[in-house]
C-alpha atoms as a PDB file:
ATOM      1  CA  MET A   1      14.896  -0.349 -16.457  1.00  0.00           C
ATOM      2  CA  ALA A   2      14.950   0.192 -12.677  1.00  0.00           C
ATOM      3  CA  ASP A   3      17.730  -1.299 -10.772  1.00  0.00           C
ATOM      4  CA  PRO A   4      16.097  -4.117  -8.411  1.00  0.00           C
ATOM      5  CA  ARG A   5      18.814  -3.958  -5.955  1.00  0.00           C
ATOM      6  CA  ASP A   6      17.645  -0.343  -5.293  1.00  0.00           C
ATOM      7  CA  PRO A   7      15.451  -0.169  -2.140  1.00  0.00           C
ATOM      8  CA  GLY A   8      13.616   2.733  -3.706  1.00  0.00           C
ATOM      9  CA  ASN A   9      12.357   0.299  -6.284  1.00  0.00           C
ATOM     10  CA  ALA A  10      10.655  -2.165  -3.905  1.00  0.00           C
ATOM     11  CA  ASP A  11       7.017  -2.670  -4.308  1.00  0.00           C
ATOM     12  CA  PRO A  12       5.219  -1.107  -1.363  1.00  0.00           C
ATOM     13  CA  GLY A  13       2.237  -3.242  -1.871  1.00  0.00           C
ATOM     14  CA  LYS A  14       4.204  -6.378  -0.810  1.00  0.00           C
ATOM     15  CA  ALA A  15       4.660  -7.366   2.627  1.00  0.00           C
ATOM     16  CA  ASP A  16       7.934  -6.728   3.901  1.00  0.00           C
ATOM     17  CA  PRO A  17       9.451  -7.775   7.210  1.00  0.00           C
ATOM     18  CA  GLY A  18      10.969  -4.315   7.519  1.00  0.00           C
ATOM     19  CA  ASN A  19       7.587  -2.760   6.893  1.00  0.00           C
ATOM     20  CA  ALA A  20       5.712  -2.170  10.213  1.00  0.00           C
ATOM     21  CA  ASP A  21       2.240  -1.763   8.547  1.00  0.00           C
ATOM     22  CA  PRO A  22       1.497  -3.625   5.412  1.00  0.00           C
ATOM     23  CA  GLY A  23      -1.970  -2.136   5.334  1.00  0.00           C
ATOM     24  CA  LYS A  24      -0.426   1.529   5.131  1.00  0.00           C
ATOM     25  CA  ALA A  25       1.954   0.337   2.334  1.00  0.00           C
ATOM     26  CA  LEU A  26      -1.029  -0.997   0.219  1.00  0.00           C
ATOM     27  CA  TYR A  27      -2.980   2.084   0.877  1.00  0.00           C
ATOM     28  CA  GLU A  28      -0.155   4.263  -0.267  1.00  0.00           C
ATOM     29  CA  LYS A  29       0.585   2.220  -3.382  1.00  0.00           C
ATOM     30  CA  ARG A  30      -3.287   2.413  -4.265  1.00  0.00           C
ATOM     31  CA  LEU A  31      -3.161   6.186  -3.536  1.00  0.00           C
ATOM     32  CA  LYS A  32      -0.515   6.642  -6.423  1.00  0.00           C
ATOM     33  CA  LEU A  33      -2.968   4.963  -8.734  1.00  0.00           C
ATOM     34  CA  LEU A  34      -5.544   7.782  -8.034  1.00  0.00           C
ATOM     35  CA  GLU A  35      -3.635  10.252  -9.606  1.00  0.00           C
ATOM     36  CA  GLY A  36      -3.504   8.523 -12.983  1.00  0.00           C
ATOM     37  CA  LEU A  37      -7.464   8.080 -12.814  1.00  0.00           C
ATOM     38  CA  TRP A  38      -8.163  11.817 -12.474  1.00  0.00           C
ATOM     39  CA  MET A  39      -9.559  11.043  -8.990  1.00  0.00           C
ATOM     40  CA  PRO A  40      -9.650  13.311  -5.991  1.00  0.00           C
ATOM     41  CA  ALA A  41      -6.851  13.030  -3.558  1.00  0.00           C
ATOM     42  CA  ALA A  42      -7.261  10.466  -0.642  1.00  0.00           C
ATOM     43  CA  PRO A  43      -6.565  11.669   2.908  1.00  0.00           C
ATOM     44  CA  PRO A  44      -3.231  10.733   4.411  1.00  0.00           C
ATOM     45  CA  TRP A  45      -2.960   7.532   6.337  1.00  0.00           C
ATOM     46  CA  GLU A  46      -2.634   9.294   9.564  1.00  0.00           C
ATOM     47  CA  ASP A  47      -6.018  10.791   9.025  1.00  0.00           C
ATOM     48  CA  LEU A  48      -7.928   7.746   8.449  1.00  0.00           C
ATOM     49  CA  PRO A  49     -10.134   6.269  11.221  1.00  0.00           C
ATOM     50  CA  ASP A  50      -8.921   3.178  12.882  1.00  0.00           C
ATOM     51  CA  GLU A  51     -11.628   0.876  11.455  1.00  0.00           C
ATOM     52  CA  VAL A  52     -10.585   1.975   8.027  1.00  0.00           C
ATOM     53  CA  LYS A  53      -6.915   1.288   8.730  1.00  0.00           C
ATOM     54  CA  GLU A  54      -7.801  -2.134   9.915  1.00  0.00           C
ATOM     55  CA  ARG A  55      -9.855  -2.780   6.698  1.00  0.00           C
ATOM     56  CA  TRP A  56      -6.652  -1.975   4.605  1.00  0.00           C
ATOM     57  CA  ARG A  57      -4.667  -4.205   6.950  1.00  0.00           C
ATOM     58  CA  ALA A  58      -7.271  -6.948   6.191  1.00  0.00           C
ATOM     59  CA  HIS A  59      -6.801  -6.302   2.456  1.00  0.00           C
ATOM     60  CA  ALA A  60      -3.097  -6.335   2.478  1.00  0.00           C
ATOM     61  CA  ALA A  61      -3.118  -9.632   4.338  1.00  0.00           C
ATOM     62  CA  ASP A  62      -5.472 -11.042   1.788  1.00  0.00           C
ATOM     63  CA  GLU A  63      -3.429  -9.900  -1.011  1.00  0.00           C
ATOM     64  CA  ASP A  64      -0.325 -11.273   0.463  1.00  0.00           C
ATOM     65  CA  ALA A  65      -2.093 -14.725   1.053  1.00  0.00           C
ATOM     66  CA  SER A  66      -3.372 -14.776  -2.418  1.00  0.00           C
ATOM     67  CA  GLY A  67      -0.312 -13.545  -4.045  1.00  0.00           C
ATOM     68  CA  SER A  68      -2.116 -11.085  -6.255  1.00  0.00           C
ATOM     69  CA  ALA A  69      -1.455  -7.432  -6.782  1.00  0.00           C
END
């Protein structure tokens, strides 16, 4: 079992006061799931258009407000 005190085990999809962009964290969390679904790789966060980044930030805020994963 992973040590919960290890910062490397933090759930990147959850809003964290130290995390400057929860949208990016959610995107990267979901990006890792693509590998297990045999899906093509998604572009890096830095390459996404601003409107797409804003959409991910809105999803992260919605997820944080509802408490769902």
